[in-house]
Amino acid sequence: MESFRVNFFASIFAILLFLGFGYYYREDAGRLLREFLIQSQPCQRPITYSIANLDTRFGLTEAELLSDIKQAEKIWESSINKQLFEYSLTGDLKINLIYDYRQKDMDSLRKIGIVVNDDRSTYDALKAKYDSLIASYNKEKAQLDKLIATYSADKKALEKETNYWNSRGGAPKTEYNILEQKRIDLNNQVTVINQAENSLNELVDTINSAEIVLNKLIVILNLKVNEYSTISSSTSKKFTEGEYVRDASGTAINIFQFNNTNQLVRVFAHEFGHALGIGHLDNPKAIMYYLNEGLNEKLTADDLAALKKVCGIK
């Protein structure tokens, strides 16, 4: 009887503990349950999404972003006449527009008159501009090296003269004025050198931006040329327009770069495909082709077949 009483109270305590734990983590538990239902019964209920982060440097309002996302939804939904996605202020799928080197690189190129499209004409135009930038870099770098060499020689000479007069108790007034003017000239040289370095650094940033985009185009266009990495290790940066992430914190679509509304819609369509459980396809024209995230405007037969498979549609 005593054993029964102990087991009974232990069971009650365990139940209360479970209920308390479930209540405390009810939001996470609810999210996990919804994700489980979506994964186990894809397409049976809409995936809810919300806007978590919209960097203002993209120049988009939330209303404009939602309009673009709606267009991406229709690419999938219209093909099977079923609502697959739904906007909600508390939607589980978090949408983030993250401004980093990718969009910054595009903005940098746009300032010098290069509008990037994923085609051969863009590659040729950017390659010509890149060659011109490299020529300018080499010229400015040579000029900067000359300025630094002149400054170093003048500074060394001034230090020698100053030490000479200091060892003799100080320079006469005439010599002192000459030394002071030389110090002023040296300070002016430093200003010129700093300006030249800033200009060169801005040029390097533009060159690095061009290198990253050129390397992206090489892959997309399957060009038989070597990757660019002349000034720095810019090739270590990956140029992915967007990504779908699913981890312990939940699910998210992160958008890093787009040139225009059409490309943004297509990138969203690609990431929505991942959210539905569709992997990459081998067809280069497919929405779900691993490279052409921003090129395709409608589902191919391969995309549709993959969608029907995850939705259990014959």
Foldseek 3Di string as FASTA:
>chain_A
DVVVVVVVVVVVVVVVVVVVVCVVCVVLVVQVVVLVCCQVAPLPDAQEEAEDADDCVVVDDPVRVVVLLVLLQCLPCVVPVGRHYDYDNPGQAYEYEDEDLQAVLQVLVVVVPQQDDLDDVSLVVLVVVLVVLVVVLVVLVVVLVVLVVVLVVLVVVLVVVQVVQVVVVHDPPVVVVVSVVSVVVSVVSVVVSVVSVVVSVSSVSNSLSSQQVSQLSCVLVVPPDDRDDDPHVSVVDHNDQWEWDQDSVGIYIYGHDDRDSQQVSLLSSCRVLVVSVFAADPDSQASRHPRPSRDHRHHDPVSNVRNCVSNVHD
